[in-house]
N, C-alpha and C. Protein backbone atom coordinates (compact mmCIF):
# COMPACT_ATOMS: atom_id res chain seq x y z
N MET A 1 -96.69 -102.12 -11.48
CA MET A 1 -96.63 -103.18 -11.37
C MET A 1 -94.68 -104.06 -10.45
N VAL A 2 -93.99 -103.41 -10.69
CA VAL A 2 -92.49 -103.04 -10.71
C VAL A 2 -91.96 -103.16 -9.27
N ASN A 3 -92.75 -102.10 -8.41
CA ASN A 3 -92.81 -101.31 -7.64
C ASN A 3 -93.31 -102.43 -6.56
N ASP A 4 -94.80 -103.13 -7.55
CA ASP A 4 -95.38 -104.76 -6.43
C ASP A 4 -94.50 -105.30 -5.86
N LEU A 5 -93.97 -105.34 -7.10
CA LEU A 5 -93.02 -106.93 -6.88
C LEU A 5 -91.69 -106.27 -5.81
N LEU A 6 -91.57 -105.18 -5.76
CA LEU A 6 -90.03 -105.16 -5.33
C LEU A 6 -90.18 -104.62 -3.68
N LYS A 7 -91.31 -104.11 -3.30
CA LYS A 7 -92.37 -103.58 -2.08
C LYS A 7 -91.36 -105.04 -0.96
N GLY A 8 -91.32 -105.12 0.74
CA GLY A 8 -90.65 -105.90 1.09
C GLY A 8 -89.66 -106.46 1.10
N LEU A 9 -88.75 -106.33 0.16
CA LEU A 9 -87.27 -106.77 -0.38
C LEU A 9 -86.24 -105.82 0.29
N THR A 10 -85.56 -106.02 0.06
CA THR A 10 -84.19 -106.09 1.12
C THR A 10 -83.92 -104.63 -0.43
N PRO A 11 -82.59 -103.81 0.00
CA PRO A 11 -82.49 -102.88 -0.68
C PRO A 11 -81.53 -103.80 -1.54
N GLN A 12 -80.65 -104.41 -0.80
CA GLN A 12 -79.97 -105.53 -2.01
C GLN A 12 -80.56 -106.77 -2.31
N VAL A 13 -81.66 -107.35 -2.60
CA VAL A 13 -82.19 -107.67 -3.52
C VAL A 13 -82.97 -107.42 -4.57
N GLN A 14 -83.00 -106.08 -3.52
CA GLN A 14 -84.61 -105.45 -5.24
C GLN A 14 -82.86 -104.80 -6.45
N ALA A 15 -81.91 -104.21 -6.08
CA ALA A 15 -80.47 -104.56 -6.58
C ALA A 15 -79.94 -105.00 -7.63
N GLU A 16 -80.63 -106.18 -7.31
CA GLU A 16 -80.49 -107.70 -8.06
C GLU A 16 -81.27 -107.79 -8.76
N PHE A 17 -82.76 -108.17 -8.69
CA PHE A 17 -83.83 -108.07 -9.23
C PHE A 17 -83.53 -107.08 -11.13
N GLU A 18 -83.07 -105.66 -10.31
CA GLU A 18 -83.25 -104.92 -11.17
C GLU A 18 -81.61 -105.39 -12.80
N ALA A 19 -80.79 -105.98 -12.18
CA ALA A 19 -79.82 -106.48 -12.02
C ALA A 19 -80.36 -107.70 -13.35
N LEU A 20 -81.04 -108.73 -13.38
CA LEU A 20 -82.03 -109.24 -13.72
C LEU A 20 -82.43 -108.64 -15.06
N ARG A 21 -83.46 -107.04 -13.75
CA ARG A 21 -84.20 -107.25 -14.95
C ARG A 21 -83.72 -106.51 -16.73
N ARG A 22 -82.92 -105.86 -16.50
CA ARG A 22 -81.30 -104.86 -16.83
C ARG A 22 -80.95 -106.44 -18.59
N THR A 23 -80.72 -107.76 -17.56
CA THR A 23 -80.42 -109.24 -18.24
C THR A 23 -81.59 -109.19 -19.05
N TYR A 24 -82.26 -108.76 -18.48
CA TYR A 24 -84.13 -110.02 -19.45
C TYR A 24 -83.99 -108.72 -20.22
N VAL A 25 -84.07 -107.89 -20.55
CA VAL A 25 -84.55 -106.60 -21.71
C VAL A 25 -83.49 -106.48 -22.84
N ALA A 26 -82.13 -106.90 -22.20
CA ALA A 26 -80.95 -107.25 -23.54
C ALA A 26 -81.25 -107.94 -24.44
N GLY A 27 -82.24 -109.15 -23.79
CA GLY A 27 -82.44 -110.54 -24.20
C GLY A 27 -83.90 -110.69 -25.34
N LEU A 28 -84.21 -109.26 -25.66
CA LEU A 28 -85.56 -109.29 -25.46
C LEU A 28 -85.24 -109.38 -27.51
N GLN A 29 -84.17 -108.54 -27.62
CA GLN A 29 -84.66 -108.45 -29.60
C GLN A 29 -83.99 -109.28 -30.51
N LYS A 30 -83.43 -110.66 -29.25
CA LYS A 30 -83.44 -111.51 -30.03
C LYS A 30 -85.17 -112.59 -29.46
N ARG A 31 -85.71 -112.59 -29.20
CA ARG A 31 -86.30 -113.01 -28.81
C ARG A 31 -87.26 -111.95 -29.74
N LEU A 32 -87.55 -111.33 -30.26
CA LEU A 32 -88.45 -110.32 -31.25
C LEU A 32 -87.78 -110.33 -32.58
N GLU A 33 -86.27 -111.36 -33.09
CA GLU A 33 -86.13 -111.75 -34.14
C GLU A 33 -86.73 -113.30 -34.73
N GLU A 34 -86.84 -113.91 -33.41
CA GLU A 34 -87.29 -115.26 -33.90
C GLU A 34 -88.76 -115.16 -33.67
N MET A 35 -89.09 -114.79 -33.42
CA MET A 35 -90.91 -113.90 -33.48
C MET A 35 -90.93 -113.52 -35.21
N GLN A 36 -90.16 -112.88 -35.54
CA GLN A 36 -90.06 -111.99 -37.19
C GLN A 36 -90.14 -112.98 -37.66
N GLN A 37 -88.77 -114.25 -37.47
CA GLN A 37 -88.40 -115.38 -38.34
C GLN A 37 -89.70 -116.40 -38.58
N ALA A 38 -90.23 -116.37 -37.00
CA ALA A 38 -90.99 -117.56 -37.43
C ALA A 38 -92.30 -117.18 -37.93
N ARG A 39 -91.77 -115.46 -37.83
CA ARG A 39 -93.59 -114.99 -38.64
C ARG A 39 -93.83 -114.73 -40.38
N HIS A 40 -92.22 -115.01 -40.80
CA HIS A 40 -92.03 -114.51 -41.77
C HIS A 40 -91.79 -115.99 -43.00
N GLN A 41 -91.37 -117.10 -41.72
CA GLN A 41 -92.20 -118.47 -42.15
C GLN A 41 -92.87 -118.95 -41.93
N GLN A 42 -94.13 -118.25 -41.51
CA GLN A 42 -95.30 -118.33 -41.27
C GLN A 42 -96.00 -120.15 -40.52
N ASP A 43 -94.61 -119.90 -39.60
CA ASP A 43 -94.73 -121.16 -38.12
C ASP A 43 -95.32 -120.13 -37.28
N TRP A 44 -96.94 -120.49 -37.98
CA TRP A 44 -97.46 -120.31 -36.52
C TRP A 44 -97.24 -120.66 -34.58
N LEU A 45 -97.46 -121.89 -35.07
CA LEU A 45 -97.04 -122.71 -34.06
C LEU A 45 -96.04 -122.55 -33.15
N ALA A 46 -94.99 -121.82 -33.78
CA ALA A 46 -92.83 -121.77 -33.08
C ALA A 46 -93.85 -120.16 -32.45
N LEU A 47 -94.18 -119.32 -33.53
CA LEU A 47 -94.78 -117.62 -33.39
C LEU A 47 -95.04 -117.92 -31.94
N ALA A 48 -96.80 -118.62 -31.79
CA ALA A 48 -97.06 -119.11 -30.83
C ALA A 48 -96.37 -119.20 -29.80
N LEU A 49 -95.51 -119.59 -29.11
CA LEU A 49 -94.61 -121.07 -28.85
C LEU A 49 -93.71 -119.73 -27.56
N CYS A 50 -93.15 -118.81 -29.32
CA CYS A 50 -91.99 -117.26 -28.79
C CYS A 50 -93.49 -116.85 -27.73
N ALA A 51 -94.27 -116.03 -28.54
CA ALA A 51 -95.52 -115.49 -28.19
C ALA A 51 -95.18 -115.60 -26.10
N HIS A 52 -96.30 -117.14 -26.05
CA HIS A 52 -96.39 -117.25 -24.17
C HIS A 52 -95.42 -117.63 -23.65
N ARG A 53 -94.12 -117.77 -24.33
CA ARG A 53 -92.60 -117.87 -23.87
C ARG A 53 -92.11 -116.56 -23.46
N LEU A 54 -93.53 -115.62 -24.12
CA LEU A 54 -93.06 -113.73 -23.50
C LEU A 54 -94.00 -113.45 -22.46
N ARG A 55 -95.47 -114.02 -23.00
CA ARG A 55 -96.03 -113.43 -22.36
C ARG A 55 -96.04 -113.60 -20.58
N GLY A 56 -95.13 -114.65 -20.36
CA GLY A 56 -94.83 -115.18 -18.85
C GLY A 56 -93.36 -114.47 -18.37
N SER A 57 -92.86 -114.57 -19.16
CA SER A 57 -91.23 -113.79 -18.79
C SER A 57 -92.25 -111.96 -18.58
N ALA A 58 -92.83 -111.90 -19.57
CA ALA A 58 -92.11 -110.38 -19.23
C ALA A 58 -93.46 -110.14 -18.33
N ALA A 59 -93.94 -111.04 -17.77
CA ALA A 59 -95.07 -110.12 -16.51
C ALA A 59 -94.61 -110.32 -15.19
N GLY A 60 -93.15 -111.87 -15.52
CA GLY A 60 -92.51 -112.27 -14.13
C GLY A 60 -91.49 -110.50 -14.00
N TYR A 61 -91.73 -110.62 -14.85
CA TYR A 61 -90.48 -109.12 -13.97
C TYR A 61 -90.60 -107.76 -15.07
N GLY A 62 -91.83 -107.73 -14.32
CA GLY A 62 -92.79 -106.96 -14.11
C GLY A 62 -93.14 -105.79 -15.36
N PHE A 63 -93.11 -106.31 -16.44
CA PHE A 63 -93.64 -106.03 -17.57
C PHE A 63 -95.47 -106.03 -18.11
N GLN A 64 -95.16 -105.46 -17.73
CA GLN A 64 -97.48 -106.16 -18.16
C GLN A 64 -97.59 -105.83 -18.81
N ALA A 65 -97.35 -104.40 -19.98
CA ALA A 65 -98.06 -104.32 -21.78
C ALA A 65 -97.94 -105.25 -21.66
N LEU A 66 -96.39 -106.03 -21.40
CA LEU A 66 -95.65 -106.65 -22.84
C LEU A 66 -95.89 -107.78 -22.96
N SER A 67 -95.89 -108.55 -21.98
CA SER A 67 -97.06 -109.73 -21.41
C SER A 67 -98.42 -109.23 -22.06
N ASP A 68 -99.28 -108.46 -22.31
CA ASP A 68 -100.80 -107.96 -22.94
C ASP A 68 -100.62 -108.36 -23.97
N MET A 69 -99.95 -107.81 -24.82
CA MET A 69 -99.75 -107.30 -26.07
C MET A 69 -98.56 -109.45 -26.28
N ALA A 70 -98.42 -109.90 -26.22
CA ALA A 70 -97.23 -111.08 -26.65
C ALA A 70 -98.85 -111.97 -26.58
N ARG A 71 -99.72 -111.81 -25.59
CA ARG A 71 -101.11 -113.15 -25.39
C ARG A 71 -101.64 -112.12 -26.38
N HIS A 72 -101.92 -111.22 -27.36
CA HIS A 72 -102.81 -111.05 -28.12
C HIS A 72 -101.85 -111.33 -29.21
N LEU A 73 -100.36 -111.01 -29.72
CA LEU A 73 -99.94 -111.93 -30.43
C LEU A 73 -100.51 -113.58 -30.35
N GLU A 74 -100.47 -113.78 -28.93
CA GLU A 74 -100.35 -116.13 -29.06
C GLU A 74 -101.48 -115.88 -29.97
N GLU A 75 -102.98 -114.90 -29.73
CA GLU A 75 -104.30 -115.20 -29.71
C GLU A 75 -104.25 -114.76 -31.01
N ALA A 76 -103.61 -114.82 -31.64
CA ALA A 76 -103.54 -113.40 -33.35
C ALA A 76 -103.62 -115.71 -33.98
N CYS A 77 -102.23 -115.93 -33.09
CA CYS A 77 -100.87 -116.70 -33.72
C CYS A 77 -102.97 -118.57 -33.55
N SER A 78 -103.01 -118.45 -33.21
CA SER A 78 -103.71 -119.09 -33.21
C SER A 78 -105.35 -119.69 -33.82
N ALA A 79 -106.08 -118.08 -33.97
CA ALA A 79 -107.04 -117.59 -35.09
C ALA A 79 -105.94 -117.76 -37.02
N VAL A 80 -104.38 -117.68 -37.38
CA VAL A 80 -104.17 -117.19 -38.32
C VAL A 80 -104.51 -116.54 -38.72
N VAL A 81 -104.85 -115.28 -39.01
CA VAL A 81 -105.67 -114.31 -39.93
C VAL A 81 -104.04 -113.72 -39.72
N PRO A 82 -103.29 -113.56 -40.72
CA PRO A 82 -102.55 -113.09 -41.25
C PRO A 82 -101.90 -111.74 -40.68
N ALA A 83 -102.97 -110.39 -40.83
CA ALA A 83 -102.72 -108.97 -40.55
C ALA A 83 -102.94 -108.84 -39.33
N ASP A 84 -103.93 -110.64 -38.47
CA ASP A 84 -103.54 -109.97 -36.74
C ASP A 84 -102.37 -109.79 -36.50
N VAL A 85 -102.02 -110.97 -37.02
CA VAL A 85 -100.46 -111.69 -36.82
C VAL A 85 -99.70 -110.42 -36.68
N ASP A 86 -99.98 -109.49 -38.06
CA ASP A 86 -98.56 -108.91 -38.64
C ASP A 86 -99.12 -107.78 -37.73
N ALA A 87 -99.95 -106.75 -37.30
CA ALA A 87 -100.28 -106.12 -36.04
C ALA A 87 -100.06 -106.59 -35.07
N ALA A 88 -100.03 -107.62 -33.84
CA ALA A 88 -99.58 -107.90 -33.40
C ALA A 88 -98.49 -108.40 -32.93
N VAL A 89 -96.58 -108.60 -34.11
CA VAL A 89 -95.91 -109.33 -33.93
C VAL A 89 -95.87 -106.78 -33.89
N LEU A 90 -95.90 -106.25 -35.15
CA LEU A 90 -96.04 -104.88 -34.13
C LEU A 90 -95.66 -104.44 -33.31
N ALA A 91 -97.64 -104.51 -32.54
CA ALA A 91 -97.42 -104.08 -30.91
C ALA A 91 -96.67 -104.32 -30.45
N VAL A 92 -95.74 -105.73 -30.19
CA VAL A 92 -95.00 -106.07 -29.78
C VAL A 92 -93.36 -106.13 -29.36
N HIS A 93 -93.33 -105.68 -31.31
CA HIS A 93 -91.73 -104.67 -31.23
C HIS A 93 -91.59 -103.53 -30.98
N GLN A 94 -93.01 -103.34 -31.05
CA GLN A 94 -92.91 -100.91 -30.79
C GLN A 94 -92.76 -101.27 -29.07
N GLU A 95 -93.03 -102.28 -28.01
CA GLU A 95 -93.47 -102.12 -26.87
C GLU A 95 -92.12 -102.58 -26.28
N ILE A 96 -91.41 -103.00 -27.09
CA ILE A 96 -90.38 -103.77 -26.60
C ILE A 96 -89.04 -102.78 -26.97
N GLU A 97 -89.43 -102.30 -27.71
CA GLU A 97 -88.96 -100.39 -27.89
C GLU A 97 -88.73 -99.85 -27.18
N GLN A 98 -90.15 -100.03 -26.31
CA GLN A 98 -90.97 -99.06 -25.53
C GLN A 98 -90.23 -99.62 -23.46
N VAL A 99 -90.11 -100.18 -23.84
CA VAL A 99 -88.73 -101.46 -23.11
C VAL A 99 -87.36 -100.70 -22.50
N LYS A 100 -87.36 -100.44 -23.07
CA LYS A 100 -85.64 -101.00 -23.74
C LYS A 100 -85.11 -99.76 -23.39
N ARG A 101 -86.48 -98.38 -23.83
CA ARG A 101 -85.91 -97.06 -23.77
C ARG A 101 -85.92 -96.55 -22.12
N ALA A 102 -87.44 -97.44 -21.27
CA ALA A 102 -87.14 -97.13 -19.82
C ALA A 102 -86.04 -97.43 -18.95
N ILE A 103 -85.52 -98.33 -19.79
CA ILE A 103 -84.58 -99.29 -18.55
C ILE A 103 -82.88 -98.83 -18.49
């Protein structure tokens, strides 16, 4: 997916995009903490909003699997099934850890 995003871009623009991706990944821990706080408070709307923002931004930076996990979390929040929400938060957490290791 990332390679598709970078096709046709100059090496300089590719390097700038990669720097932006690293900055984005560095901020994922804070996003995860916000989601965990919302889950702890059972604030389904706030959690769904966090997941929605993550869904869009992750896709934009080429992290499609993380975007998909965020979509599942957003859907679980809409259904308000705590066990499903917990599983989705865990999946997002695990995917964030994988993304961090890949960068």
